[in-house]
Protein backbone atom coordinates (compact mmCIF):
# COMPACT_ATOMS: atom_id res chain seq x y z
CA MET A 1 49.46 -21.22 -10.65
CA ALA A 2 47.61 -24.42 -11.17
CA PHE A 3 44.01 -24.80 -10.97
CA VAL A 4 42.26 -28.04 -9.70
CA ASP A 5 38.78 -28.72 -11.01
CA VAL A 6 36.60 -29.89 -7.94
CA VAL A 7 34.10 -32.50 -9.39
CA GLN A 8 30.88 -32.47 -7.22
CA HIS A 9 29.26 -35.96 -7.40
CA PRO A 10 25.65 -36.10 -6.59
CA ILE A 11 24.33 -37.21 -3.40
CA ILE A 12 22.78 -40.60 -3.64
CA ARG A 13 19.97 -40.89 -1.16
CA ARG A 14 19.59 -44.58 -0.76
CA ASN A 15 21.08 -47.35 1.17
CA ARG A 16 23.69 -49.50 -0.91
CA PRO A 17 23.62 -53.21 -0.57
CA GLY A 18 25.64 -54.46 2.18
CA THR A 19 25.10 -51.26 4.29
CA LYS A 20 25.35 -52.02 7.90
CA ALA A 21 22.29 -50.95 9.91
CA LYS A 22 24.43 -48.33 12.09
CA ASP A 23 25.21 -46.52 8.89
CA MET A 24 21.62 -46.45 7.02
CA TYR A 25 20.14 -43.15 6.00
CA LYS A 26 23.27 -41.28 6.82
CA TRP A 27 23.07 -38.97 3.82
CA PRO A 28 22.49 -35.12 4.30
CA ASP A 29 19.14 -33.79 4.53
CA GLU A 30 17.55 -32.02 1.49
CA PRO A 31 15.12 -29.16 1.60
CA PHE A 32 11.62 -29.91 0.33
CA GLU A 33 11.75 -27.30 -2.26
CA GLU A 34 14.57 -29.08 -3.85
CA MET A 35 13.15 -32.52 -3.96
CA ASP A 36 12.49 -33.26 -7.62
CA SER A 37 10.36 -36.21 -7.38
CA THR A 38 6.77 -37.53 -7.46
CA LEU A 39 7.93 -39.10 -4.07
CA ALA A 40 8.96 -36.02 -2.41
CA VAL A 41 6.26 -35.79 0.27
CA GLN A 42 7.05 -39.34 1.25
CA GLN A 43 10.68 -38.64 1.34
CA TYR A 44 10.39 -35.40 3.21
CA ILE A 45 8.12 -37.25 6.08
CA GLN A 46 10.50 -40.01 6.25
CA GLN A 47 13.45 -37.32 6.69
CA GLN A 48 11.68 -35.59 9.64
CA ILE A 49 10.84 -39.01 11.45
CA ARG A 50 14.68 -39.92 11.11
CA ALA A 51 15.72 -36.48 12.26
CA ASP A 52 13.59 -36.73 15.62
CA TYR A 53 10.89 -39.41 15.58
CA THR A 54 9.58 -37.53 18.99
CA ASN A 55 8.89 -34.33 17.40
CA LEU A 56 5.19 -34.90 16.38
CA ASN A 57 4.29 -31.48 15.64
CA GLY A 58 7.72 -31.20 13.37
CA ILE A 59 6.79 -34.42 11.58
CA LEU A 60 3.10 -33.57 11.08
CA GLU A 61 3.59 -29.93 10.05
CA PRO A 62 3.41 -29.90 6.06
CA PRO A 63 5.60 -27.79 4.09
CA GLU A 64 4.18 -24.44 2.97
CA GLY A 65 1.77 -24.79 0.24
CA GLN A 66 1.34 -28.47 0.49
CA ASP A 67 -1.82 -29.95 -0.64
CA GLU A 68 -3.55 -31.11 2.37
CA GLY A 69 -4.96 -34.36 0.84
CA VAL A 70 -1.74 -35.49 -0.45
CA TRP A 71 -0.18 -34.82 2.92
CA LYS A 72 -2.56 -36.97 4.66
CA TYR A 73 -2.43 -39.72 2.24
CA GLU A 74 1.21 -39.82 2.16
CA HIS A 75 1.39 -39.99 6.22
CA LEU A 76 -1.16 -42.75 6.04
CA ARG A 77 1.10 -44.66 3.80
CA GLN A 78 3.94 -44.28 6.09
CA PHE A 79 1.94 -45.36 9.11
CA CYS A 80 0.77 -48.66 7.55
CA MET A 81 4.49 -49.34 6.30
CA GLU A 82 5.69 -48.80 9.94
CA LEU A 83 2.79 -50.69 11.43
CA ASN A 84 4.23 -53.90 9.79
CA GLY A 85 7.04 -53.60 12.40
CA ILE A 86 4.61 -54.20 15.37
CA ALA A 87 2.79 -56.83 13.24
CA VAL A 88 5.94 -58.95 12.88
CA LYS A 89 6.56 -58.63 16.82
CA LEU A 90 2.92 -59.60 17.49
CA GLN A 91 3.40 -62.85 15.66
CA ASN A 92 5.51 -64.06 18.50
CA GLU A 93 2.96 -63.97 20.99
CA CYS A 94 -0.37 -63.08 19.33
CA SER A 95 -1.85 -66.36 17.67
CA PRO A 96 -5.16 -67.83 16.79
CA ALA A 97 -5.07 -69.89 20.05
CA THR A 98 -4.27 -66.87 22.46
CA CYS A 99 -6.37 -64.08 20.76
CA THR A 100 -9.26 -65.67 19.13
CA GLN A 101 -10.93 -62.32 18.49
CA MET A 102 -10.00 -58.89 17.55
CA THR A 103 -10.58 -57.14 20.69
CA ALA A 104 -9.26 -54.19 22.74
CA THR A 105 -11.45 -53.60 25.73
CA GLU A 106 -14.48 -55.72 26.27
CA GLN A 107 -16.81 -53.19 24.76
CA TRP A 108 -16.23 -54.24 21.15
CA ILE A 109 -15.41 -57.26 19.09
CA PHE A 110 -14.30 -55.96 15.80
CA LEU A 111 -15.42 -57.84 12.48
CA CYS A 112 -12.88 -58.30 9.91
CA ALA A 113 -14.06 -56.42 6.67
CA ALA A 114 -11.65 -58.25 4.41
CA HIS A 115 -14.14 -60.98 3.86
CA LYS A 116 -17.22 -60.84 1.46
CA THR A 117 -19.46 -60.72 4.72
CA PRO A 118 -17.65 -59.26 7.53
CA LYS A 119 -16.82 -61.72 10.36
CA GLU A 120 -14.84 -62.47 13.35
CA CYS A 121 -11.07 -63.12 12.73
CA PRO A 122 -8.26 -63.97 15.23
CA ALA A 123 -6.54 -60.74 16.21
CA ILE A 124 -3.13 -61.52 14.17
CA ASP A 125 -5.23 -62.56 11.00
CA TYR A 126 -7.36 -59.17 11.39
CA THR A 127 -4.05 -57.23 11.72
CA ARG A 128 -2.53 -58.85 8.36
CA HIS A 129 -5.84 -58.61 6.64
CA THR A 130 -6.13 -54.82 7.57
CA LEU A 131 -2.66 -53.88 6.71
CA ASP A 132 -3.05 -55.91 3.35
CA GLY A 133 -6.34 -54.32 2.69
CA ALA A 134 -4.94 -50.71 3.52
CA ALA A 135 -1.94 -51.29 1.17
CA SER A 136 -4.16 -52.36 -1.54
CA LEU A 137 -6.57 -49.28 -1.38
CA LEU A 138 -3.71 -47.01 -0.86
CA ASN A 139 -1.79 -48.20 -4.06
CA SER A 140 -5.01 -48.49 -6.07
CA ASN A 141 -4.82 -46.64 -9.60
CA LYS A 142 -8.65 -46.28 -9.45
CA TYR A 143 -8.72 -44.14 -6.02
CA PHE A 144 -5.32 -42.89 -6.08
CA PRO A 145 -3.57 -42.62 -9.51
CA SER A 146 -1.37 -39.56 -8.65
CA ARG A 147 0.64 -38.95 -5.86
CA VAL A 148 0.77 -35.00 -6.87
CA SER A 149 -3.03 -34.60 -6.47
CA ILE A 150 -5.87 -36.58 -5.06
CA LYS A 151 -9.49 -36.13 -5.67
CA GLU A 152 -11.69 -35.21 -2.62
CA SER A 153 -13.83 -38.28 -3.08
CA SER A 154 -10.67 -40.42 -2.53
CA VAL A 155 -9.31 -38.44 0.37
CA ALA A 156 -12.53 -39.16 2.20
CA LYS A 157 -11.79 -42.88 2.33
CA LEU A 158 -8.78 -42.18 4.49
CA GLY A 159 -11.08 -42.00 7.60
CA SER A 160 -12.17 -45.63 7.48
CA VAL A 161 -8.61 -46.81 6.90
CA CYS A 162 -7.68 -44.78 10.18
CA ARG A 163 -10.27 -46.44 12.09
CA ARG A 164 -9.16 -50.03 11.07
CA VAL A 165 -5.66 -49.48 11.66
CA TYR A 166 -5.96 -47.95 14.91
CA ARG A 167 -7.36 -51.26 16.22
CA ILE A 168 -4.08 -52.65 15.69
CA PHE A 169 -2.36 -50.27 18.24
CA SER A 170 -5.47 -50.83 20.79
CA HIS A 171 -5.33 -54.49 20.58
CA ALA A 172 -1.61 -54.37 21.29
CA TYR A 173 -1.99 -52.00 24.03
CA PHE A 174 -4.67 -53.87 25.93
CA HIS A 175 -3.35 -57.54 25.11
CA HIS A 176 0.26 -57.30 24.55
CA LYS A 177 1.29 -54.20 26.78
CA THR A 178 4.98 -55.23 27.23
CA LEU A 179 5.28 -55.74 23.38
CA TYR A 180 3.40 -52.39 22.82
CA ASP A 181 5.56 -50.37 25.17
CA GLU A 182 8.68 -51.64 23.79
CA PHE A 183 7.60 -50.69 20.12
CA GLU A 184 6.29 -47.40 21.10
CA ASN A 185 9.43 -46.40 22.91
CA GLU A 186 11.29 -47.13 19.85
CA THR A 187 8.95 -45.32 17.41
CA HIS A 188 6.38 -42.90 18.92
CA LEU A 189 4.20 -44.52 16.22
CA CYS A 190 0.99 -44.50 18.15
CA SER A 191 1.53 -41.10 19.59
CA ARG A 192 2.17 -39.85 15.98
CA PHE A 193 -0.84 -41.65 14.74
CA THR A 194 -3.09 -40.26 17.43
CA ALA A 195 -1.84 -36.56 16.90
CA PHE A 196 -2.29 -37.05 13.24
CA VAL A 197 -6.02 -38.20 13.18
CA LEU A 198 -6.69 -35.50 15.72
CA LYS A 199 -5.01 -32.78 13.94
CA TYR A 200 -6.93 -33.92 10.68
CA ASP A 201 -10.24 -34.77 12.10
CA LEU A 202 -10.00 -38.34 10.98
CA MET A 203 -11.24 -40.16 14.13
CA ALA A 204 -13.65 -39.27 16.74
CA LYS A 205 -11.61 -38.47 20.14
CA GLU A 206 -13.80 -40.84 22.00
CA ASN A 207 -12.59 -43.65 19.90
CA LEU A 208 -9.09 -43.13 20.69
CA ILE A 209 -8.74 -45.37 23.69
CA VAL A 210 -5.00 -45.84 24.09
CA PRO A 211 -3.74 -43.16 26.55
CA ILE A 212 -1.34 -40.85 24.76
CA GLU A 213 0.17 -37.68 26.59
CA ASP A 214 1.95 -36.44 23.64
CA ALA A 215 -1.02 -35.96 21.17
CA LYS A 216 -3.24 -33.52 23.67
CA THR A 217 -1.73 -30.49 22.15
CA LEU A 218 -3.01 -31.56 18.63
CA THR A 219 -6.60 -31.96 19.38
CA ARG A 220 -9.43 -30.60 17.40
CA LYS A 221 -12.99 -31.43 18.12
CA PRO A 222 -14.54 -33.52 15.35
CA SER A 223 -17.97 -32.64 13.87
CA GLU A 224 -21.29 -34.42 14.82
CA ASP A 225 -21.28 -36.22 11.28
CA GLU A 226 -17.78 -37.56 11.78
CA ASN A 227 -18.69 -38.81 15.29
CA THR A 228 -21.71 -40.61 13.84
CA ALA A 229 -19.57 -42.27 11.17
CA ASP A 230 -17.15 -43.55 13.60
CA HIS A 231 -19.84 -45.18 15.77
CA GLU A 232 -21.44 -46.83 12.62
CA GLU A 233 -18.01 -48.49 11.80
CA SER A 234 -16.78 -49.52 15.17
CA ASP A 235 -17.85 -53.14 14.55
CA ALA A 236 -16.51 -53.70 11.03
């Protein structure tokens, strides 16, 4: 009786050059405990998003025993990467001529912190500067030298990043509603971001001005100190 050796080839979880859009990310899911990489948390989050981007609870629920600081950090990195998608779309209709200031409602004009002294920027420039600044901080070896463990003092910086990048959503919602709706229907990104910052008390609820139904089940009342911090940073 002949025996045939079956060779099991390892699954390559990356898109090969020339892969068509409809065929991207078509590899089998991998259990988190089997992900042997310093990028495991990022890979797991992206896997959950691909499985069902509308399942906010599932995407935001960490694996058992996962360090909370790393979990929050990796989610914020993912948000910033995905926000580049709406930034690209905004370029088609948000220009220094049409949106001379970074605003949402009439209550605030947001000053851009990318300059030596915070100053007004056209909304599209504010968007670019904010995403560039967030990427620079989140990739900083000084504050985030490891993606396995993160110091509490570095985790504390995530709240200010959240407040600034949220303004991109709010500007798009109040000034480019059709574009916002199209992007949100495709990604649920603002819904997920809102649920995320409420779940981990990274923003005061009163500063979340874009109406989101999906996030209501994940609210948690921020502390008095957090509310104060959000008010102090609302103009920069």
